[in-house]
N, C-alpha and C. Protein backbone atom coordinates (compact mmCIF):
# COMPACT_ATOMS: atom_id res chain seq x y z
N MET A 1 0.89 -1.39 -0.16
CA MET A 1 -0.05 0.33 0.15
C MET A 1 1.25 1.51 -0.16
N ILE A 2 0.57 1.85 -1.01
CA ILE A 2 1.54 3.13 -0.47
C ILE A 2 0.73 4.74 -0.45
N VAL A 3 1.24 5.46 0.18
CA VAL A 3 0.01 6.63 0.48
C VAL A 3 0.53 7.79 0.17
N ILE A 4 -0.07 8.56 -0.70
CA ILE A 4 0.57 10.22 -1.15
C ILE A 4 -0.36 10.90 -0.40
N TYR A 5 -0.32 12.33 -0.78
CA TYR A 5 -1.21 13.41 -0.11
C TYR A 5 -1.04 14.35 -1.09
N ARG A 6 -2.15 14.65 -1.65
CA ARG A 6 -2.21 15.66 -2.00
C ARG A 6 -3.28 16.79 -2.56
N ASN A 7 -2.95 17.23 -2.47
CA ASN A 7 -3.19 18.93 -2.12
C ASN A 7 -4.42 18.62 -0.82
N GLY A 8 -3.42 18.37 0.09
CA GLY A 8 -4.07 18.70 1.60
C GLY A 8 -5.01 16.82 1.60
N GLU A 9 -5.08 15.78 0.63
CA GLU A 9 -6.05 15.12 0.22
C GLU A 9 -4.89 13.96 0.36
N ARG A 10 -5.43 12.68 1.43
CA ARG A 10 -4.53 11.62 0.87
C ARG A 10 -5.24 10.86 0.53
N VAL A 11 -4.27 9.81 -1.21
CA VAL A 11 -5.15 9.09 -1.84
C VAL A 11 -3.68 7.37 -1.57
N VAL A 12 -4.45 7.56 -1.82
CA VAL A 12 -4.22 5.61 -1.44
C VAL A 12 -4.04 4.63 -2.23
N ILE A 13 -2.91 3.81 -3.00
CA ILE A 13 -2.69 3.24 -3.65
C ILE A 13 -2.25 1.41 -3.17
N SER A 14 -3.36 0.90 -4.45
CA SER A 14 -3.62 -0.55 -3.25
C SER A 14 -3.07 -1.31 -4.48
N GLY A 15 -2.82 -2.81 -4.22
CA GLY A 15 -3.22 -3.88 -5.34
C GLY A 15 -2.31 -4.09 -6.37
N TRP A 16 -2.52 -4.20 -7.25
CA TRP A 16 -1.97 -4.24 -8.70
C TRP A 16 -1.04 -3.47 -8.95
N ARG A 17 -1.51 -2.01 -9.22
CA ARG A 17 -0.99 0.11 -8.79
C ARG A 17 -0.23 -0.12 -8.00
N ALA A 18 -0.01 -1.01 -6.99
CA ALA A 18 0.89 -0.23 -6.22
C ALA A 18 2.03 -1.10 -6.17
N TRP A 19 1.49 -2.61 -7.10
CA TRP A 19 2.77 -3.65 -7.34
C TRP A 19 3.68 -3.06 -8.66
N LEU A 20 2.93 -2.28 -9.50
CA LEU A 20 3.36 -1.45 -10.54
C LEU A 20 4.13 -0.86 -10.35
N ILE A 21 3.82 -0.07 -8.91
CA ILE A 21 5.17 0.96 -9.42
C ILE A 21 6.62 0.61 -8.00
N VAL A 22 5.93 -0.14 -7.28
CA VAL A 22 7.18 -0.56 -6.43
C VAL A 22 8.01 -1.61 -7.11
N GLY A 23 7.33 -3.14 -8.29
CA GLY A 23 8.34 -3.05 -8.99
C GLY A 23 9.67 -3.03 -9.62
N PRO A 24 9.91 -1.76 -10.63
CA PRO A 24 10.18 -1.01 -11.23
C PRO A 24 11.22 -0.72 -10.35
N ALA A 25 10.50 0.14 -8.84
CA ALA A 25 11.40 0.55 -7.87
C ALA A 25 12.36 -0.23 -7.43
N VAL A 26 12.05 -1.22 -6.91
CA VAL A 26 13.33 -2.76 -6.43
C VAL A 26 13.86 -3.35 -7.25
N LEU A 27 13.81 -2.50 -8.71
CA LEU A 27 14.74 -3.58 -10.03
C LEU A 27 15.68 -2.39 -9.25
N VAL A 28 15.20 -0.86 -10.08
CA VAL A 28 16.78 -0.60 -10.37
C VAL A 28 17.22 -0.52 -8.60
N ALA A 29 17.24 -0.69 -7.65
CA ALA A 29 17.46 -0.37 -6.91
C ALA A 29 18.38 -1.64 -6.12
N ALA A 30 17.90 -2.88 -6.91
CA ALA A 30 18.98 -3.87 -7.42
C ALA A 30 20.16 -4.20 -7.61
N LEU A 31 19.59 -3.39 -9.64
CA LEU A 31 20.56 -2.88 -10.25
C LEU A 31 21.66 -2.02 -9.70
N ILE A 32 21.25 -1.76 -8.75
CA ILE A 32 22.65 -0.13 -8.36
C ILE A 32 23.66 -1.06 -6.73
N VAL A 33 23.05 -1.67 -6.35
CA VAL A 33 22.90 -2.57 -5.81
C VAL A 33 24.42 -3.48 -6.02
N VAL A 34 23.88 -4.57 -7.02
CA VAL A 34 24.89 -5.36 -7.66
C VAL A 34 26.40 -3.99 -8.41
N ALA A 35 26.07 -2.99 -9.62
CA ALA A 35 26.47 -2.22 -10.16
C ALA A 35 27.72 -1.57 -9.06
N LEU A 36 27.42 -1.11 -8.18
CA LEU A 36 28.31 -1.49 -6.78
C LEU A 36 29.20 -2.45 -5.87
N ILE A 37 28.21 -3.44 -5.56
CA ILE A 37 29.94 -4.60 -5.40
C ILE A 37 30.38 -4.23 -6.40
N SER A 38 29.97 -4.93 -7.94
CA SER A 38 30.32 -5.15 -8.59
C SER A 38 31.91 -4.41 -8.40
N LEU A 39 31.57 -2.24 -8.66
CA LEU A 39 32.74 -1.92 -8.94
C LEU A 39 33.72 -2.08 -7.27
N MET A 40 33.03 -2.54 -6.49
CA MET A 40 33.75 -2.69 -4.93
C MET A 40 34.40 -4.17 -5.48
N LEU A 41 34.62 -4.69 -6.19
CA LEU A 41 35.23 -6.09 -6.29
C LEU A 41 36.11 -6.02 -7.12
N GLY A 42 35.66 -4.97 -8.02
CA GLY A 42 36.93 -4.86 -9.44
C GLY A 42 38.19 -3.78 -9.02
N ILE A 43 37.53 -3.02 -7.65
CA ILE A 43 38.88 -2.07 -7.09
C ILE A 43 39.54 -3.34 -5.70
N ALA A 44 38.82 -4.22 -5.79
CA ALA A 44 39.48 -4.95 -4.88
C ALA A 44 40.64 -5.74 -5.06
N LEU A 45 40.31 -6.34 -6.67
CA LEU A 45 40.95 -7.51 -7.54
C LEU A 45 41.84 -6.64 -8.10
N THR A 46 42.03 -5.24 -8.56
CA THR A 46 43.18 -4.24 -8.58
C THR A 46 44.07 -4.89 -7.40
N ILE A 47 43.53 -4.03 -6.78
CA ILE A 47 44.37 -3.65 -5.78
C ILE A 47 45.34 -4.56 -4.83
N PHE A 48 44.72 -5.72 -4.88
CA PHE A 48 45.68 -7.08 -4.99
C PHE A 48 46.51 -7.64 -5.58
N THR A 49 46.04 -7.44 -7.54
CA THR A 49 47.30 -7.80 -8.14
C THR A 49 47.68 -7.29 -8.63
N VAL A 50 47.95 -6.38 -7.89
CA VAL A 50 48.91 -4.84 -7.64
C VAL A 50 49.52 -5.35 -6.94
N LEU A 51 49.19 -4.96 -5.79
CA LEU A 51 50.02 -5.43 -4.09
C LEU A 51 51.02 -6.71 -4.64
N LEU A 52 50.18 -8.21 -5.41
CA LEU A 52 51.21 -9.04 -5.54
C LEU A 52 52.00 -8.94 -6.02
N PHE A 53 52.51 -8.65 -6.77
CA PHE A 53 53.19 -8.77 -8.77
C PHE A 53 54.73 -6.91 -8.08
N VAL A 54 53.99 -6.00 -7.27
CA VAL A 54 54.67 -5.36 -6.69
C VAL A 54 55.25 -5.99 -5.76
N VAL A 55 55.47 -6.11 -4.63
CA VAL A 55 55.91 -5.89 -3.47
C VAL A 55 56.85 -7.48 -3.06
N PRO A 56 56.79 -8.43 -4.19
CA PRO A 56 58.07 -9.33 -4.55
C PRO A 56 59.17 -8.54 -5.54
N VAL A 57 58.42 -7.21 -6.14
CA VAL A 57 59.41 -7.06 -6.87
C VAL A 57 60.99 -5.94 -6.49
N ALA A 58 59.53 -5.25 -5.39
CA ALA A 58 60.77 -3.20 -4.82
C ALA A 58 61.21 -4.77 -4.12
N ILE A 59 61.17 -5.64 -3.28
CA ILE A 59 61.65 -6.08 -2.47
C ILE A 59 62.82 -6.70 -3.26
N ALA A 60 63.03 -7.78 -4.52
CA ALA A 60 64.24 -7.70 -5.05
C ALA A 60 65.10 -6.93 -5.59
N LEU A 61 64.47 -5.77 -6.23
CA LEU A 61 65.22 -4.22 -6.31
C LEU A 61 65.65 -4.17 -4.94
N ALA A 62 65.30 -3.77 -3.62
CA ALA A 62 66.09 -3.62 -2.46
C ALA A 62 67.03 -4.31 -2.59
N LEU A 63 66.43 -6.22 -2.44
CA LEU A 63 67.94 -6.82 -2.52
C LEU A 63 69.56 -6.38 -3.07
N LEU A 64 69.32 -6.19 -4.62
CA LEU A 64 70.12 -6.06 -5.27
C LEU A 64 70.45 -4.37 -4.98
N VAL A 65 70.24 -3.56 -5.15
CA VAL A 65 70.44 -2.43 -4.79
C VAL A 65 71.56 -2.48 -3.65
N ARG A 66 71.12 -2.66 -2.52
CA ARG A 66 71.93 -3.37 -0.96
C ARG A 66 73.15 -4.30 -1.74
N LEU A 67 72.96 -5.38 -2.82
CA LEU A 67 73.73 -5.78 -2.85
C LEU A 67 75.04 -5.03 -3.59
N PHE A 68 74.76 -4.91 -4.68
CA PHE A 68 75.50 -3.74 -5.00
C PHE A 68 75.86 -2.49 -5.36
N SER A 69 75.40 -2.14 -4.16
CA SER A 69 76.22 -0.90 -3.09
C SER A 69 77.21 -1.21 -2.68
N LYS A 70 78.66 0.19 -2.30
CA LYS A 70 79.13 0.50 -2.12
C LYS A 70 78.56 0.38 0.10
N PRO A 71 79.94 -0.68 0.44
CA PRO A 71 79.41 -0.67 2.04
C PRO A 71 80.21 0.52 1.93
N ARG A 72 79.74 0.67 3.68
CA ARG A 72 80.37 2.17 4.09
C ARG A 72 81.62 2.10 5.70
């Protein structure tokens, strides 16, 4: 049941008309939620993949620099 106030009068929408209004609204909200979850998952996977490859390379470069640097 949907209650709307128009010009100070209460209008009640119920039955199939209420479903006709609520159905697409729920569908749009669900699509927005799915899109946001997909976006967050994509960002998380991107960060994980970058860290998976960058951290070992940075450690290897640091070891190489330390190996070939002049001792103090």
